[in-house]
Amino acid sequence: MSTELFSDSHCHFGDEPLRSAAEEVYRRALEKGVRRFMIPEVHPSDERFIESFASSHEGVCRAFGIHPWAASEWDGKEFSPSSVSRSVRAIGECGLDRLHTSDFELETRLFEAHIALAERLRLPLLVHSLRANSEVLRVLKCHRARGVIHGFSGSFEEAMAFISLGFFLGAGGVITYARAQKTRKTFSRIPLRSILLETDSPAMPLSGFQGEANMPERVPLVAKCLAELRGITVREVSEATEQNFSALFLDGEGS
């Protein structure tokens, strides 16, 4: 087992192939030193499975939300705080997507609904931003939300704009690709206190694992890559990102 400890700040145990092999996936991750997991909802139908899995496995946190890809499943109503379990530690996955969108106006209204809920419950957001950093920044600047921009891929200037709003940035599989020079340079420069590790399992495969489902057990490989980019040790990455995970998801209590 790894001597360092890690947390996967974004992994989809509710998606296949993780869902049908959840016990084995969880066990293998623990063996690699991954001790904590944040699982966002994608579809409203995910709630029951994720709530059950989180309540029966140590170190598993859950988020409440509807992914922008599933915006059509939203009933258009504001989310009621009373419908959110007290075990929920974050709101999301939510956000904006310029690559896959079919109705950007609907996505934006859904994103605003998530932000309103997060502000009322004083919970962090898990934000999806794909080719939409400028639009996401514009929306967030109108609020006092906090959270993480998961799977961040963007410029140093965009990164610092999000950080100035109090957001963390999720480092995942993208940084393991040599061709992703812009994102790699960004994560080599931004404050370590603003970074979380993630896999986005089963998506966002790491370099060397193309064509395979991603797994939470590969968080240490993301940490190793981040350490190399910054010229520091994996232990330093572990200690900082573990503190960041705790600060965002565990230290503050929702209402």
C-alpha atoms as a PDB file:
ATOM      1  CA  MET A   1       0.000   0.000   0.000  1.00  0.00           C
ATOM      2  CA  SER A   2       1.178   3.506  -0.772  1.00  0.00           C
ATOM      3  CA  THR A   3       2.716   5.437   2.106  1.00  0.00           C
ATOM      4  CA  GLU A   4       0.974   8.591   0.875  1.00  0.00           C
ATOM      5  CA  LEU A   5      -2.756   9.173   1.145  1.00  0.00           C
ATOM      6  CA  PHE A   6      -4.968  10.566  -1.587  1.00  0.00           C
ATOM      7  CA  SER A   7      -8.534  11.632  -2.275  1.00  0.00           C
ATOM      8  CA  ASP A   8     -10.429  11.396  -5.560  1.00  0.00           C
ATOM      9  CA  SER A   9     -12.433  14.611  -5.645  1.00  0.00           C
ATOM     10  CA  HIS A  10     -14.537  13.516  -8.638  1.00  0.00           C
ATOM     11  CA  CYS A  11     -15.398   9.922  -9.545  1.00  0.00           C
ATOM     12  CA  HIS A  12     -18.602   8.420 -10.911  1.00  0.00           C
ATOM     13  CA  PHE A  13     -19.308   5.204  -9.023  1.00  0.00           C
ATOM     14  CA  GLY A  14     -22.851   5.527 -10.345  1.00  0.00           C
ATOM     15  CA  ASP A  15     -21.657   4.982 -13.937  1.00  0.00           C
ATOM     16  CA  GLU A  16     -20.700   1.708 -15.579  1.00  0.00           C
ATOM     17  CA  PRO A  17     -18.384  -0.103 -15.428  1.00  0.00           C
ATOM     18  CA  LEU A  18     -17.711   1.177 -11.887  1.00  0.00           C
ATOM     19  CA  ARG A  19     -21.255   0.640 -10.674  1.00  0.00           C
ATOM     20  CA  SER A  20     -21.457  -3.099 -11.270  1.00  0.00           C
ATOM     21  CA  ALA A  21     -17.989  -3.625  -9.779  1.00  0.00           C
ATOM     22  CA  ALA A  22     -18.162  -0.947  -7.081  1.00  0.00           C
ATOM     23  CA  GLU A  23     -16.877  -3.109  -4.218  1.00  0.00           C
ATOM     24  CA  GLU A  24     -13.830  -4.239  -6.181  1.00  0.00           C
ATOM     25  CA  VAL A  25     -13.131  -0.736  -7.517  1.00  0.00           C
ATOM     26  CA  TYR A  26     -13.341   0.673  -3.982  1.00  0.00           C
ATOM     27  CA  ARG A  27     -11.041  -2.060  -2.592  1.00  0.00           C
ATOM     28  CA  ARG A  28      -8.380  -1.569  -5.256  1.00  0.00           C
ATOM     29  CA  ALA A  29      -8.379   2.184  -4.699  1.00  0.00           C
ATOM     30  CA  LEU A  30      -7.891   1.735  -0.958  1.00  0.00           C
ATOM     31  CA  GLU A  31      -4.915  -0.538  -1.653  1.00  0.00           C
ATOM     32  CA  LYS A  32      -3.313   2.306  -3.642  1.00  0.00           C
ATOM     33  CA  GLY A  33      -3.746   4.774  -0.792  1.00  0.00           C
ATOM     34  CA  VAL A  34      -6.928   6.461  -2.050  1.00  0.00           C
ATOM     35  CA  ARG A  35      -8.952   6.905   1.125  1.00  0.00           C
ATOM     36  CA  ARG A  36     -11.647   9.412   0.224  1.00  0.00           C
ATOM     37  CA  PHE A  37     -13.973   9.816  -2.717  1.00  0.00           C
ATOM     38  CA  MET A  38     -16.438  12.470  -3.859  1.00  0.00           C
ATOM     39  CA  ILE A  39     -19.214  11.006  -5.999  1.00  0.00           C
ATOM     40  CA  PRO A  40     -21.405  13.442  -7.956  1.00  0.00           C
ATOM     41  CA  GLU A  41     -24.805  12.613  -9.365  1.00  0.00           C
ATOM     42  CA  VAL A  42     -25.372  12.799 -13.116  1.00  0.00           C
ATOM     43  CA  HIS A  43     -29.011  11.769 -13.434  1.00  0.00           C
ATOM     44  CA  PRO A  44     -31.767  12.143 -10.808  1.00  0.00           C
ATOM     45  CA  SER A  45     -32.039   8.341 -10.856  1.00  0.00           C
ATOM     46  CA  ASP A  46     -28.470   8.058  -9.480  1.00  0.00           C
ATOM     47  CA  GLU A  47     -29.463   9.289  -6.035  1.00  0.00           C
ATOM     48  CA  ARG A  48     -30.568   6.026  -4.454  1.00  0.00           C
ATOM     49  CA  PHE A  49     -27.484   4.020  -5.458  1.00  0.00           C
ATOM     50  CA  ILE A  50     -25.002   6.750  -4.545  1.00  0.00           C
ATOM     51  CA  GLU A  51     -26.650   7.447  -1.199  1.00  0.00           C
ATOM     52  CA  SER A  52     -26.580   3.752  -0.307  1.00  0.00           C
ATOM     53  CA  PHE A  53     -22.957   3.324  -1.394  1.00  0.00           C
ATOM     54  CA  ALA A  54     -21.787   6.427   0.461  1.00  0.00           C
ATOM     55  CA  SER A  55     -23.564   5.461   3.675  1.00  0.00           C
ATOM     56  CA  SER A  56     -22.016   1.987   3.714  1.00  0.00           C
ATOM     57  CA  HIS A  57     -18.403   2.801   2.767  1.00  0.00           C
ATOM     58  CA  GLU A  58     -15.912   4.769   4.819  1.00  0.00           C
ATOM     59  CA  GLY A  59     -14.486   7.865   3.200  1.00  0.00           C
ATOM     60  CA  VAL A  60     -17.155   8.161   0.505  1.00  0.00           C
ATOM     61  CA  CYS A  61     -18.851  11.558   0.121  1.00  0.00           C
ATOM     62  CA  ARG A  62     -21.745  12.315  -2.181  1.00  0.00           C
ATOM     63  CA  ALA A  63     -23.040  15.294  -4.113  1.00  0.00           C
ATOM     64  CA  PHE A  64     -26.573  16.178  -5.197  1.00  0.00           C
ATOM     65  CA  GLY A  65     -27.212  17.439  -8.708  1.00  0.00           C
ATOM     66  CA  ILE A  66     -28.049  17.027 -12.378  1.00  0.00           C
ATOM     67  CA  HIS A  67     -25.277  17.017 -14.980  1.00  0.00           C
ATOM     68  CA  PRO A  68     -25.677  19.547 -17.821  1.00  0.00           C
ATOM     69  CA  TRP A  69     -25.824  16.597 -20.244  1.00  0.00           C
ATOM     70  CA  ALA A  70     -28.976  15.498 -18.390  1.00  0.00           C
ATOM     71  CA  ALA A  71     -30.567  18.960 -18.344  1.00  0.00           C
ATOM     72  CA  SER A  72     -33.632  17.641 -20.194  1.00  0.00           C
ATOM     73  CA  GLU A  73     -34.415  15.484 -17.133  1.00  0.00           C
ATOM     74  CA  TRP A  74     -34.832  18.588 -14.957  1.00  0.00           C
ATOM     75  CA  ASP A  75     -38.412  19.615 -14.190  1.00  0.00           C
ATOM     76  CA  GLY A  76     -37.523  23.301 -14.434  1.00  0.00           C
ATOM     77  CA  LYS A  77     -38.295  24.013 -10.794  1.00  0.00           C
ATOM     78  CA  GLU A  78     -35.957  25.400  -8.164  1.00  0.00           C
ATOM     79  CA  PHE A  79     -34.335  22.769  -5.995  1.00  0.00           C
ATOM     80  CA  SER A  80     -35.814  22.578  -2.502  1.00  0.00           C
ATOM     81  CA  PRO A  81     -33.216  22.481   0.291  1.00  0.00           C
ATOM     82  CA  SER A  82     -35.518  20.176   2.239  1.00  0.00           C
ATOM     83  CA  SER A  83     -35.163  17.518  -0.477  1.00  0.00           C
ATOM     84  CA  VAL A  84     -31.383  17.325  -0.023  1.00  0.00           C
ATOM     85  CA  SER A  85     -30.127  14.765   2.480  1.00  0.00           C
ATOM     86  CA  ARG A  86     -27.988  16.073   5.322  1.00  0.00           C
ATOM     87  CA  SER A  87     -25.315  13.561   4.273  1.00  0.00           C
ATOM     88  CA  VAL A  88     -24.711  15.490   1.043  1.00  0.00           C
ATOM     89  CA  ARG A  89     -21.337  17.286   1.048  1.00  0.00           C
ATOM     90  CA  ALA A  90     -21.530  19.139  -2.269  1.00  0.00           C
ATOM     91  CA  ILE A  91     -23.876  20.230  -5.043  1.00  0.00           C
ATOM     92  CA  GLY A  92     -23.272  18.886  -8.536  1.00  0.00           C
ATOM     93  CA  GLU A  93     -22.168  17.844 -10.964  1.00  0.00           C
ATOM     94  CA  CYS A  94     -23.439  21.038 -12.552  1.00  0.00           C
ATOM     95  CA  GLY A  95     -22.208  23.638 -14.989  1.00  0.00           C
ATOM     96  CA  LEU A  96     -22.000  24.504 -18.672  1.00  0.00           C
ATOM     97  CA  ASP A  97     -20.859  22.616 -21.755  1.00  0.00           C
ATOM     98  CA  ARG A  98     -20.327  24.224 -25.136  1.00  0.00           C
ATOM     99  CA  LEU A  99     -19.181  20.970 -26.771  1.00  0.00           C
ATOM    100  CA  HIS A 100     -22.168  18.706 -26.142  1.00  0.00           C
ATOM    101  CA  THR A 101     -24.975  21.165 -25.473  1.00  0.00           C
ATOM    102  CA  SER A 102     -28.312  21.011 -27.222  1.00  0.00           C
ATOM    103  CA  ASP A 103     -29.901  23.845 -25.232  1.00  0.00           C
ATOM    104  CA  PHE A 104     -27.387  26.228 -23.672  1.00  0.00           C
ATOM    105  CA  GLU A 105     -30.116  28.452 -22.231  1.00  0.00           C
ATOM    106  CA  LEU A 106     -31.602  25.473 -20.377  1.00  0.00           C
ATOM    107  CA  GLU A 107     -28.139  24.475 -19.122  1.00  0.00           C
ATOM    108  CA  THR A 108     -27.589  27.994 -17.816  1.00  0.00           C
ATOM    109  CA  ARG A 109     -30.880  28.060 -15.917  1.00  0.00           C
ATOM    110  CA  LEU A 110     -30.093  24.642 -14.438  1.00  0.00           C
ATOM    111  CA  PHE A 111     -26.636  25.851 -13.410  1.00  0.00           C
ATOM    112  CA  GLU A 112     -28.169  28.898 -11.710  1.00  0.00           C
ATOM    113  CA  ALA A 113     -30.571  26.604  -9.839  1.00  0.00           C
ATOM    114  CA  HIS A 114     -27.660  24.547  -8.512  1.00  0.00           C
ATOM    115  CA  ILE A 115     -25.812  27.677  -7.419  1.00  0.00           C
ATOM    116  CA  ALA A 116     -28.867  28.980  -5.568  1.00  0.00           C
ATOM    117  CA  LEU A 117     -29.187  25.654  -3.749  1.00  0.00           C
ATOM    118  CA  ALA A 118     -25.490  25.568  -2.853  1.00  0.00           C
ATOM    119  CA  GLU A 119     -25.665  29.088  -1.457  1.00  0.00           C
ATOM    120  CA  ARG A 120     -28.725  28.294   0.653  1.00  0.00           C
ATOM    121  CA  LEU A 121     -27.155  25.121   2.047  1.00  0.00           C
ATOM    122  CA  ARG A 122     -23.655  26.611   2.287  1.00  0.00           C
ATOM    123  CA  LEU A 123     -22.228  23.701   0.324  1.00  0.00           C
ATOM    124  CA  PRO A 124     -19.510  23.710  -2.351  1.00  0.00           C
ATOM    125  CA  LEU A 125     -20.199  23.218  -6.055  1.00  0.00           C
ATOM    126  CA  LEU A 126     -18.761  20.565  -8.350  1.00  0.00           C
ATOM    127  CA  VAL A 127     -18.585  22.547 -11.589  1.00  0.00           C
ATOM    128  CA  HIS A 128     -18.416  21.102 -15.095  1.00  0.00           C
ATOM    129  CA  SER A 129     -16.941  23.572 -17.587  1.00  0.00           C
ATOM    130  CA  LEU A 130     -16.220  22.266 -21.062  1.00  0.00           C
ATOM    131  CA  ARG A 131     -15.231  24.922 -23.613  1.00  0.00           C
ATOM    132  CA  ALA A 132     -17.242  27.312 -21.439  1.00  0.00           C
ATOM    133  CA  ASN A 133     -14.792  28.838 -18.976  1.00  0.00           C
ATOM    134  CA  SER A 134     -15.701  32.408 -19.876  1.00  0.00           C
ATOM    135  CA  GLU A 135     -19.437  31.731 -19.505  1.00  0.00           C
ATOM    136  CA  VAL A 136     -18.957  29.854 -16.225  1.00  0.00           C
ATOM    137  CA  LEU A 137     -16.826  32.701 -14.869  1.00  0.00           C
ATOM    138  CA  ARG A 138     -19.470  35.227 -15.870  1.00  0.00           C
ATOM    139  CA  VAL A 139     -22.163  33.297 -13.973  1.00  0.00           C
ATOM    140  CA  LEU A 140     -20.052  32.648 -10.880  1.00  0.00           C
ATOM    141  CA  LYS A 141     -19.005  36.292 -10.585  1.00  0.00           C
ATOM    142  CA  CYS A 142     -22.652  37.124  -9.865  1.00  0.00           C
ATOM    143  CA  HIS A 143     -22.724  34.828  -6.827  1.00  0.00           C
ATOM    144  CA  ARG A 144     -20.839  33.982  -3.662  1.00  0.00           C
ATOM    145  CA  ALA A 145     -20.537  30.274  -4.290  1.00  0.00           C
ATOM    146  CA  ARG A 146     -17.419  28.212  -3.651  1.00  0.00           C
ATOM    147  CA  GLY A 147     -16.318  24.838  -4.931  1.00  0.00           C
ATOM    148  CA  VAL A 148     -14.129  23.189  -7.537  1.00  0.00           C
ATOM    149  CA  ILE A 149     -13.873  23.467 -11.309  1.00  0.00           C
ATOM    150  CA  HIS A 150     -13.506  19.786 -11.998  1.00  0.00           C
ATOM    151  CA  GLY A 151     -11.209  18.471 -14.725  1.00  0.00           C
ATOM    152  CA  PHE A 152      -9.908  21.965 -15.332  1.00  0.00           C
ATOM    153  CA  SER A 153      -8.422  22.542 -18.763  1.00  0.00           C
ATOM    154  CA  GLY A 154      -7.594  26.123 -19.503  1.00  0.00           C
ATOM    155  CA  SER A 155      -5.123  28.948 -19.345  1.00  0.00           C
ATOM    156  CA  PHE A 156      -3.248  30.290 -16.353  1.00  0.00           C
ATOM    157  CA  GLU A 157      -5.302  33.496 -16.563  1.00  0.00           C
ATOM    158  CA  GLU A 158      -8.583  31.561 -16.466  1.00  0.00           C
ATOM    159  CA  ALA A 159      -7.298  29.469 -13.598  1.00  0.00           C
ATOM    160  CA  MET A 160      -6.379  32.508 -11.522  1.00  0.00           C
ATOM    161  CA  ALA A 161      -9.769  34.076 -12.271  1.00  0.00           C
ATOM    162  CA  PHE A 162     -11.506  31.012 -10.803  1.00  0.00           C
ATOM    163  CA  ILE A 163      -9.118  30.949  -7.842  1.00  0.00           C
ATOM    164  CA  SER A 164      -9.829  34.629  -7.158  1.00  0.00           C
ATOM    165  CA  LEU A 165     -13.479  33.650  -6.707  1.00  0.00           C
ATOM    166  CA  GLY A 166     -12.498  31.068  -4.102  1.00  0.00           C
ATOM    167  CA  PHE A 167     -12.589  27.992  -6.314  1.00  0.00           C
ATOM    168  CA  PHE A 168     -10.255  25.013  -6.370  1.00  0.00           C
ATOM    169  CA  LEU A 169      -9.192  23.412  -9.653  1.00  0.00           C
ATOM    170  CA  GLY A 170      -9.369  19.673 -10.287  1.00  0.00           C
ATOM    171  CA  ALA A 171      -6.243  18.083 -11.783  1.00  0.00           C
ATOM    172  CA  GLY A 172      -7.038  14.882 -13.661  1.00  0.00           C
ATOM    173  CA  GLY A 173      -6.010  12.792 -16.615  1.00  0.00           C
ATOM    174  CA  VAL A 174      -5.446  15.738 -18.937  1.00  0.00           C
ATOM    175  CA  ILE A 175      -2.208  16.727 -17.217  1.00  0.00           C
ATOM    176  CA  THR A 176      -0.691  13.302 -17.929  1.00  0.00           C
ATOM    177  CA  TYR A 177      -0.594  14.002 -21.684  1.00  0.00           C
ATOM    178  CA  ALA A 178       2.536  15.730 -22.983  1.00  0.00           C
ATOM    179  CA  ARG A 179       0.508  17.424 -25.725  1.00  0.00           C
ATOM    180  CA  ALA A 180      -1.667  19.245 -23.145  1.00  0.00           C
ATOM    181  CA  GLN A 181       0.998  21.914 -22.720  1.00  0.00           C
ATOM    182  CA  LYS A 182      -1.336  24.776 -21.770  1.00  0.00           C
ATOM    183  CA  THR A 183      -3.028  22.836 -18.962  1.00  0.00           C
ATOM    184  CA  ARG A 184       0.232  21.295 -17.745  1.00  0.00           C
ATOM    185  CA  LYS A 185       1.887  24.717 -17.534  1.00  0.00           C
ATOM    186  CA  THR A 186      -1.126  26.082 -15.684  1.00  0.00           C
ATOM    187  CA  PHE A 187      -0.981  23.370 -13.020  1.00  0.00           C
ATOM    188  CA  SER A 188       2.778  23.858 -12.673  1.00  0.00           C
ATOM    189  CA  ARG A 189       2.223  27.534 -11.750  1.00  0.00           C
ATOM    190  CA  ILE A 190      -0.996  27.942  -9.777  1.00  0.00           C
ATOM    191  CA  PRO A 191      -0.907  27.761  -5.960  1.00  0.00           C
ATOM    192  CA  LEU A 192      -0.809  24.188  -4.640  1.00  0.00           C
ATOM    193  CA  ARG A 193      -3.354  25.249  -2.032  1.00  0.00           C
ATOM    194  CA  SER A 194      -5.892  25.600  -4.865  1.00  0.00           C
ATOM    195  CA  ILE A 195      -5.556  22.109  -6.399  1.00  0.00           C
ATOM    196  CA  LEU A 196      -7.557  18.919  -5.911  1.00  0.00           C
ATOM    197  CA  LEU A 197      -6.801  15.533  -7.464  1.00  0.00           C
ATOM    198  CA  GLU A 198      -9.422  13.613  -9.434  1.00  0.00           C
ATOM    199  CA  THR A 199      -9.973  10.885 -11.997  1.00  0.00           C
ATOM    200  CA  ASP A 200     -13.496  11.597 -13.321  1.00  0.00           C
ATOM    201  CA  SER A 201     -13.767   7.805 -13.525  1.00  0.00           C
ATOM    202  CA  PRO A 202     -14.733   6.119 -15.750  1.00  0.00           C
ATOM    203  CA  ALA A 203     -13.950   9.052 -18.095  1.00  0.00           C
ATOM    204  CA  MET A 204     -10.767  11.083 -18.635  1.00  0.00           C
ATOM    205  CA  PRO A 205      -8.299   8.158 -19.015  1.00  0.00           C
ATOM    206  CA  LEU A 206      -4.682   8.835 -18.141  1.00  0.00           C
ATOM    207  CA  SER A 207      -1.906   8.683 -20.708  1.00  0.00           C
ATOM    208  CA  GLY A 208      -0.966   5.048 -21.175  1.00  0.00           C
ATOM    209  CA  PHE A 209      -4.490   3.856 -20.408  1.00  0.00           C
ATOM    210  CA  GLN A 210      -6.272   5.126 -23.513  1.00  0.00           C
ATOM    211  CA  GLY A 211      -9.262   3.000 -24.440  1.00  0.00           C
ATOM    212  CA  GLU A 212      -9.694   1.755 -20.859  1.00  0.00           C
ATOM    213  CA  ALA A 213     -12.231   2.830 -18.280  1.00  0.00           C
ATOM    214  CA  ASN A 214     -10.563   5.160 -15.808  1.00  0.00           C
ATOM    215  CA  MET A 215     -10.483   4.094 -12.154  1.00  0.00           C
ATOM    216  CA  PRO A 216     -10.057   5.882  -8.778  1.00  0.00           C
ATOM    217  CA  GLU A 217      -6.998   3.729  -8.058  1.00  0.00           C
ATOM    218  CA  ARG A 218      -5.105   5.909 -10.562  1.00  0.00           C
ATOM    219  CA  VAL A 219      -5.230   9.063  -8.422  1.00  0.00           C
ATOM    220  CA  PRO A 220      -1.635   8.424  -7.251  1.00  0.00           C
ATOM    221  CA  LEU A 221      -0.531   8.535 -10.905  1.00  0.00           C
ATOM    222  CA  VAL A 222      -2.134  11.970 -11.291  1.00  0.00           C
ATOM    223  CA  ALA A 223      -0.329  13.038  -8.104  1.00  0.00           C
ATOM    224  CA  LYS A 224       2.981  11.736  -9.468  1.00  0.00           C
ATOM    225  CA  CYS A 225       2.525  13.687 -12.701  1.00  0.00           C
ATOM    226  CA  LEU A 226       1.606  16.861 -10.799  1.00  0.00           C
ATOM    227  CA  ALA A 227       4.674  16.487  -8.590  1.00  0.00           C
ATOM    228  CA  GLU A 228       6.911  16.138 -11.640  1.00  0.00           C
ATOM    229  CA  LEU A 229       5.390  19.204 -13.296  1.00  0.00           C
ATOM    230  CA  ARG A 230       5.986  21.273 -10.171  1.00  0.00           C
ATOM    231  CA  GLY A 231       9.376  19.848  -9.227  1.00  0.00           C
ATOM    232  CA  ILE A 232       8.214  18.680  -5.795  1.00  0.00           C
ATOM    233  CA  THR A 233       7.663  15.317  -4.106  1.00  0.00           C
ATOM    234  CA  VAL A 234       4.538  13.181  -4.292  1.00  0.00           C
ATOM    235  CA  ARG A 235       4.327  13.485  -0.516  1.00  0.00           C
ATOM    236  CA  GLU A 236       4.094  17.266  -0.798  1.00  0.00           C
ATOM    237  CA  VAL A 237       1.305  16.892  -3.356  1.00  0.00           C
ATOM    238  CA  SER A 238      -0.457  14.372  -1.120  1.00  0.00           C
ATOM    239  CA  GLU A 239      -0.266  16.513   1.998  1.00  0.00           C
ATOM    240  CA  ALA A 240      -1.468  19.670   0.253  1.00  0.00           C
ATOM    241  CA  THR A 241      -4.308  18.112  -1.712  1.00  0.00           C
ATOM    242  CA  GLU A 242      -5.532  16.147   1.297  1.00  0.00           C
ATOM    243  CA  GLN A 243      -5.712  19.373   3.257  1.00  0.00           C
ATOM    244  CA  ASN A 244      -7.545  21.011   0.352  1.00  0.00           C
ATOM    245  CA  PHE A 245     -10.098  18.189   0.141  1.00  0.00           C
ATOM    246  CA  SER A 246     -10.798  18.466   3.858  1.00  0.00           C
ATOM    247  CA  ALA A 247     -11.078  22.253   3.731  1.00  0.00           C
ATOM    248  CA  LEU A 248     -13.610  22.198   0.905  1.00  0.00           C
ATOM    249  CA  PHE A 249     -15.761  19.181   1.674  1.00  0.00           C
ATOM    250  CA  LEU A 250     -15.329  18.238   5.308  1.00  0.00           C
ATOM    251  CA  ASP A 251     -14.339  21.153   7.529  1.00  0.00           C
ATOM    252  CA  GLY A 252     -17.436  23.282   6.923  1.00  0.00           C
ATOM    253  CA  GLU A 253     -20.884  21.923   7.689  1.00  0.00           C
ATOM    254  CA  GLY A 254     -23.914  22.627   5.571  1.00  0.00           C
ATOM    255  CA  SER A 255     -27.129  23.888   7.119  1.00  0.00           C
END
